[in-house]
Amino acid sequence: MSKQQYLGTVRKAVLTKKVTHGFKVTAGNEEYFLPDEEVDESVELGDELTCFLYMNKKGEPAAVLELPEITRDSYGWAEVVDIYPGTGVFVDIGLPDKDIFVSSDHLPLWKSVWPAIGDHLFLSLEMDKKGRLIGEPISEQEVMDDLEPAPAELLKEEVTARVYRAIKAGTAVLTGEGYRGFIHPHERKEEPRLGQTIQARVIDVKEDGTINLSLRPLKQESMSEDAEMIFQYLEENDGVMPLHDKSSPDEIRETFQISKAAFKRALGQLMKQEKIEQKDGQTVIKHG
């Protein structure tokens, strides 16, 4: 196996000689630089060590003994540490002197759902055509192969999850327990970022062990939130709104991104509180 094929993998390597600021280890017929701070006093020349091999920031083949979770043979979560809007992002996989690039080819088309600094991407390492280690999202099949089936008792519970895929059809997430969840566009008011950590409510536990989630509050909570949104709209539009309880569902969703049923519940609450009234096919703020 060539030096390039070893990069990004965990290998056994022999500590062969002392050099300035570190040691050389040999894997196959190739040498890699191991920094002094990686080696404790108990290690001797000739010892076999388990190392992660990569190309360091100086462009030299290097080794570390603290093994990253993410390699070319394994995947995990990596924190986003830098963003270049035109090209991609850099993530920290735990190397002392190098971050890993994730190309915009593997990020959402819309910049509004790109990860922010501090978000986490679910990746493995690959080698690009120039021989550089890069981060790539794992496939949906790999996620399903490693799926932890969710128990039926999870229904209606709240879970913490991270977004690992953001596509037009919806948002795919993984919980800390390894459950795979999906959020349909109708179950969210705005689309979460790729890599964002979210709190969501389980609305279905499916036969295949995956879960469907909602970011929308429960109906009794939603009423006050939707009512507040509608009243704010009225205040910002001279106290008048052309929508009313007979308006079409499409008109309502276009303005407020909520269903007609939710809109009518919110209107009912505001009317009960005597904050609004309906006149001449319009909804208006009630004065006096």
Protein backbone atom coordinates (compact mmCIF):
# COMPACT_ATOMS: atom_id res chain seq x y z
CA MET A 1 0.00 0.00 0.00
CA SER A 2 1.37 3.46 -0.93
CA LYS A 3 1.85 6.39 1.42
CA GLN A 4 -1.18 8.12 -0.08
CA GLN A 5 -3.37 5.09 0.52
CA TYR A 6 -2.37 5.07 4.20
CA LEU A 7 -3.35 8.72 4.72
CA GLY A 8 -6.58 9.15 6.66
CA THR A 9 -6.39 5.66 8.19
CA VAL A 10 -5.35 4.11 11.50
CA ARG A 11 -2.28 1.86 11.15
CA LYS A 12 0.35 0.07 13.20
CA ALA A 13 3.68 1.92 12.89
CA VAL A 14 7.13 1.29 14.39
CA LEU A 15 8.99 4.07 16.22
CA THR A 16 12.25 4.07 14.24
CA LYS A 17 14.31 7.16 15.12
CA LYS A 18 14.52 10.46 17.03
CA VAL A 19 14.49 13.70 15.00
CA THR A 20 14.20 17.40 15.85
CA HIS A 21 10.95 18.09 17.74
CA GLY A 22 9.77 14.50 17.41
CA PHE A 23 10.25 11.00 16.04
CA LYS A 24 9.87 9.09 12.82
CA VAL A 25 7.51 6.15 12.67
CA THR A 26 7.43 3.67 9.81
CA ALA A 27 4.29 2.08 8.36
CA GLY A 28 4.91 -0.17 5.39
CA ASN A 29 7.99 1.34 3.77
CA GLU A 30 7.03 4.95 4.48
CA GLU A 31 8.10 7.33 7.27
CA TYR A 32 5.81 9.72 9.16
CA PHE A 33 6.63 12.50 11.62
CA LEU A 34 5.34 12.00 15.18
CA PRO A 35 5.60 15.16 17.36
CA ASP A 36 7.34 14.99 20.77
CA GLU A 37 4.12 15.91 22.60
CA GLU A 38 2.46 12.75 21.27
CA VAL A 39 5.00 10.44 22.91
CA ASP A 40 5.39 9.76 26.64
CA GLU A 41 8.56 8.60 28.41
CA SER A 42 7.53 4.94 28.46
CA VAL A 43 7.80 4.64 24.66
CA GLU A 44 11.08 3.34 23.21
CA LEU A 45 12.58 3.02 19.74
CA GLY A 46 11.37 -0.18 18.12
CA ASP A 47 7.95 -0.04 19.81
CA GLU A 48 4.90 -0.62 17.63
CA LEU A 49 2.30 2.13 17.98
CA THR A 50 -1.26 2.56 16.72
CA CYS A 51 -1.31 5.84 14.78
CA PHE A 52 -3.58 7.96 12.63
CA LEU A 53 -1.68 9.00 9.48
CA TYR A 54 -2.26 12.22 7.58
CA MET A 55 -0.54 15.13 5.81
CA ASN A 56 0.08 17.92 8.31
CA LYS A 57 -0.18 21.67 7.73
CA LYS A 58 3.43 21.80 6.54
CA GLY A 59 2.64 19.24 3.86
CA GLU A 60 4.68 16.45 5.45
CA PRO A 61 3.42 12.93 6.24
CA ALA A 62 2.57 12.90 9.96
CA ALA A 63 1.17 10.65 12.67
CA VAL A 64 -0.77 11.16 15.90
CA LEU A 65 -1.51 8.70 18.69
CA GLU A 66 -4.78 10.34 19.74
CA LEU A 67 -7.05 8.71 17.17
CA PRO A 68 -9.86 10.79 15.64
CA GLU A 69 -13.35 9.32 15.47
CA ILE A 70 -13.56 10.27 11.79
CA THR A 71 -11.26 8.41 9.37
CA ARG A 72 -11.53 6.94 5.88
CA ASP A 73 -12.90 3.80 7.53
CA SER A 74 -15.20 5.38 10.14
CA TYR A 75 -17.56 8.31 10.49
CA GLY A 76 -18.74 10.69 13.18
CA TRP A 77 -19.63 14.29 14.02
CA ALA A 78 -17.14 17.09 13.34
CA GLU A 79 -17.49 20.69 14.52
CA VAL A 80 -17.58 23.46 11.91
CA VAL A 81 -14.77 25.94 12.67
CA ASP A 82 -14.59 28.11 9.55
CA ILE A 83 -16.87 29.03 6.64
CA TYR A 84 -15.99 30.12 3.10
CA PRO A 85 -19.35 30.98 1.45
CA GLY A 86 -18.10 30.44 -2.09
CA THR A 87 -16.33 27.13 -1.57
CA GLY A 88 -17.26 25.25 1.61
CA VAL A 89 -16.46 24.88 5.32
CA PHE A 90 -13.67 23.55 7.51
CA VAL A 91 -14.29 21.11 10.35
CA ASP A 92 -12.24 20.01 13.35
CA ILE A 93 -11.81 16.22 13.62
CA GLY A 94 -9.33 16.46 16.50
CA LEU A 95 -5.99 16.82 14.70
CA PRO A 96 -3.49 19.15 16.45
CA ASP A 97 -2.55 21.27 13.43
CA LYS A 98 -5.06 20.69 10.65
CA ASP A 99 -8.75 21.17 9.90
CA ILE A 100 -10.59 19.23 7.19
CA PHE A 101 -12.34 20.83 4.21
CA VAL A 102 -15.93 20.01 3.24
CA SER A 103 -16.79 21.25 -0.26
CA SER A 104 -19.91 23.28 -1.08
CA ASP A 105 -20.78 20.34 -3.38
CA HIS A 106 -21.76 18.49 -0.19
CA LEU A 107 -23.67 21.41 1.36
CA PRO A 108 -27.23 22.66 0.70
CA LEU A 109 -27.90 24.80 -2.35
CA TRP A 110 -29.42 27.55 -0.19
CA LYS A 111 -26.85 29.37 1.95
CA SER A 112 -29.56 30.05 4.58
CA VAL A 113 -29.35 26.40 5.66
CA TRP A 114 -25.56 26.07 5.50
CA PRO A 115 -24.03 25.13 8.86
CA ALA A 116 -22.92 27.89 11.22
CA ILE A 117 -19.67 27.86 13.19
CA GLY A 118 -20.23 25.50 16.12
CA ASP A 119 -22.65 23.23 14.23
CA HIS A 120 -21.62 19.62 13.59
CA LEU A 121 -21.50 17.64 10.32
CA PHE A 122 -21.78 13.84 10.09
CA LEU A 123 -18.82 12.77 7.95
CA SER A 124 -16.16 10.30 6.98
CA LEU A 125 -12.85 11.10 5.25
CA GLU A 126 -12.13 10.61 1.56
CA MET A 127 -9.16 11.35 -0.69
CA ASP A 128 -9.74 13.89 -3.47
CA LYS A 129 -8.14 13.77 -6.93
CA LYS A 130 -5.19 15.84 -5.69
CA GLY A 131 -4.47 13.42 -2.85
CA ARG A 132 -5.89 15.65 -0.10
CA LEU A 133 -8.04 14.41 2.76
CA ILE A 134 -11.53 15.93 2.64
CA GLY A 135 -14.75 15.42 4.56
CA GLU A 136 -17.76 13.81 2.88
CA PRO A 137 -21.26 13.19 4.28
CA ILE A 138 -22.00 9.51 4.69
CA SER A 139 -24.70 7.95 2.53
CA GLU A 140 -28.29 7.41 3.60
CA GLN A 141 -27.72 3.67 3.23
CA GLU A 142 -24.88 3.80 5.78
CA VAL A 143 -27.17 5.63 8.20
CA MET A 144 -29.90 3.02 7.77
CA ASP A 145 -27.41 0.13 8.10
CA ASP A 146 -26.32 1.45 11.51
CA LEU A 147 -29.81 2.45 12.60
CA GLU A 148 -30.78 2.15 16.26
CA PRO A 149 -34.53 1.27 16.24
CA ALA A 150 -36.59 3.75 18.24
CA PRO A 151 -38.92 2.25 20.90
CA ALA A 152 -42.68 2.78 20.58
CA GLU A 153 -42.68 4.53 23.99
CA LEU A 154 -40.84 7.46 22.38
CA LEU A 155 -44.10 8.69 20.82
CA LYS A 156 -44.98 12.25 21.97
CA GLU A 157 -41.63 12.59 23.76
CA GLU A 158 -39.17 15.39 23.04
CA VAL A 159 -35.76 14.48 21.64
CA THR A 160 -32.52 16.32 20.96
CA ALA A 161 -31.12 15.69 17.49
CA ARG A 162 -28.66 17.01 14.91
CA VAL A 163 -29.47 17.67 11.26
CA TYR A 164 -27.30 15.44 9.06
CA ARG A 165 -29.11 16.03 5.76
CA ALA A 166 -31.17 19.01 4.55
CA ILE A 167 -33.03 18.38 1.29
CA LYS A 168 -36.14 19.69 -0.46
CA ALA A 169 -38.26 16.76 0.77
CA GLY A 170 -37.50 17.53 4.42
CA THR A 171 -34.92 17.45 7.20
CA ALA A 172 -33.14 14.23 8.28
CA VAL A 173 -31.73 14.09 11.81
CA LEU A 174 -29.97 11.74 14.20
CA THR A 175 -30.55 11.71 17.94
CA GLY A 176 -27.83 11.09 20.50
CA GLU A 177 -29.21 7.56 20.93
CA GLY A 178 -28.76 6.88 17.21
CA TYR A 179 -32.43 7.12 16.18
CA ARG A 180 -33.00 8.40 12.65
CA GLY A 181 -35.70 11.07 12.41
CA PHE A 182 -37.40 12.98 9.62
CA ILE A 183 -39.11 16.39 9.69
CA HIS A 184 -41.59 17.05 6.89
CA PRO A 185 -41.65 20.68 5.65
CA HIS A 186 -45.20 21.08 7.04
CA GLU A 187 -43.89 20.23 10.52
CA ARG A 188 -41.56 23.22 10.73
CA LYS A 189 -42.01 26.97 10.37
CA GLU A 190 -38.47 27.49 9.14
CA GLU A 191 -35.89 25.04 7.85
CA PRO A 192 -33.12 24.11 10.32
CA ARG A 193 -29.49 24.45 9.23
CA LEU A 194 -27.43 21.45 8.23
CA GLY A 195 -25.53 20.47 11.38
CA GLN A 196 -27.84 22.37 13.73
CA THR A 197 -28.85 20.84 17.08
CA ILE A 198 -32.63 20.94 17.55
CA GLN A 199 -35.33 19.96 20.03
CA ALA A 200 -38.25 18.18 18.37
CA ARG A 201 -41.38 16.24 19.32
CA VAL A 202 -41.90 12.63 18.18
CA ILE A 203 -45.17 12.38 16.26
CA ASP A 204 -44.73 8.86 14.84
CA VAL A 205 -42.59 5.79 15.51
CA LYS A 206 -42.49 3.81 12.27
CA GLU A 207 -42.23 0.06 11.76
CA ASP A 208 -38.66 0.35 10.42
CA GLY A 209 -37.53 1.96 13.69
CA THR A 210 -37.28 5.51 12.35
CA ILE A 211 -39.25 8.42 13.78
CA ASN A 212 -41.18 11.36 12.37
CA LEU A 213 -40.69 14.62 14.22
CA SER A 214 -42.31 18.03 14.50
CA LEU A 215 -40.80 21.40 15.32
CA ARG A 216 -44.26 22.93 15.66
CA PRO A 217 -45.61 23.44 19.19
CA LEU A 218 -48.63 21.49 20.42
CA LYS A 219 -52.00 22.96 19.48
CA GLN A 220 -52.69 24.56 22.84
CA GLU A 221 -49.22 26.17 22.78
CA SER A 222 -49.51 27.05 19.11
CA MET A 223 -52.72 29.02 19.59
CA SER A 224 -51.06 31.76 21.62
CA GLU A 225 -47.98 31.81 19.38
CA ASP A 226 -50.03 32.04 16.17
CA ALA A 227 -52.35 34.61 17.75
CA GLU A 228 -49.37 36.74 18.73
CA MET A 229 -48.00 36.52 15.18
CA ILE A 230 -51.35 37.58 13.67
CA PHE A 231 -51.79 40.46 16.12
CA GLN A 232 -48.26 41.67 15.37
CA TYR A 233 -49.09 41.60 11.65
CA LEU A 234 -52.16 43.74 12.33
CA GLU A 235 -50.14 46.25 14.34
CA GLU A 236 -47.61 46.53 11.51
CA ASN A 237 -50.36 47.08 8.92
CA ASP A 238 -52.41 49.93 10.44
CA GLY A 239 -54.62 47.50 12.34
CA VAL A 240 -56.16 45.99 9.20
CA MET A 241 -55.75 42.56 7.59
CA PRO A 242 -57.54 41.39 4.41
CA LEU A 243 -57.64 37.82 5.73
CA HIS A 244 -60.56 36.48 7.77
CA ASP A 245 -62.08 33.15 8.78
CA LYS A 246 -63.49 32.58 5.28
CA SER A 247 -60.16 33.21 3.48
CA SER A 248 -58.67 30.37 1.43
CA PRO A 249 -56.07 28.03 2.97
CA ASP A 250 -53.54 29.08 0.30
CA GLU A 251 -53.90 32.79 1.12
CA ILE A 252 -53.45 32.05 4.83
CA ARG A 253 -50.42 29.80 4.35
CA GLU A 254 -48.79 32.29 1.97
CA THR A 255 -49.02 35.04 4.60
CA PHE A 256 -48.47 33.17 7.88
CA GLN A 257 -47.15 29.68 6.97
CA ILE A 258 -49.86 28.06 9.10
CA SER A 259 -52.93 25.98 8.24
CA LYS A 260 -56.42 27.44 7.98
CA ALA A 261 -57.45 25.49 11.09
CA ALA A 262 -54.58 27.01 13.09
CA PHE A 263 -55.47 30.46 11.71
CA LYS A 264 -59.10 30.12 12.79
CA ARG A 265 -58.07 28.93 16.28
CA ALA A 266 -55.82 31.96 16.65
CA LEU A 267 -58.56 34.34 15.42
CA GLY A 268 -60.96 32.76 17.89
CA GLN A 269 -58.56 33.37 20.75
CA LEU A 270 -58.02 37.01 19.76
CA MET A 271 -61.77 37.59 19.38
CA LYS A 272 -62.43 35.99 22.76
CA GLN A 273 -59.89 38.37 24.26
CA GLU A 274 -61.70 41.20 22.41
CA LYS A 275 -58.51 42.25 20.65
CA ILE A 276 -59.92 41.97 17.12
CA GLU A 277 -63.16 41.95 15.17
CA GLN A 278 -64.19 41.19 11.61
CA LYS A 279 -65.73 43.92 9.44
CA ASP A 280 -66.52 44.07 5.73
CA GLY A 281 -64.47 40.97 4.88
CA GLN A 282 -61.46 42.16 6.89
CA THR A 283 -59.96 41.52 10.31
CA VAL A 284 -59.24 44.68 12.31
CA ILE A 285 -57.91 45.59 15.74
CA LYS A 286 -60.80 46.36 18.06
CA HIS A 287 -60.60 49.77 19.70
CA GLY A 288 -62.51 50.76 22.81
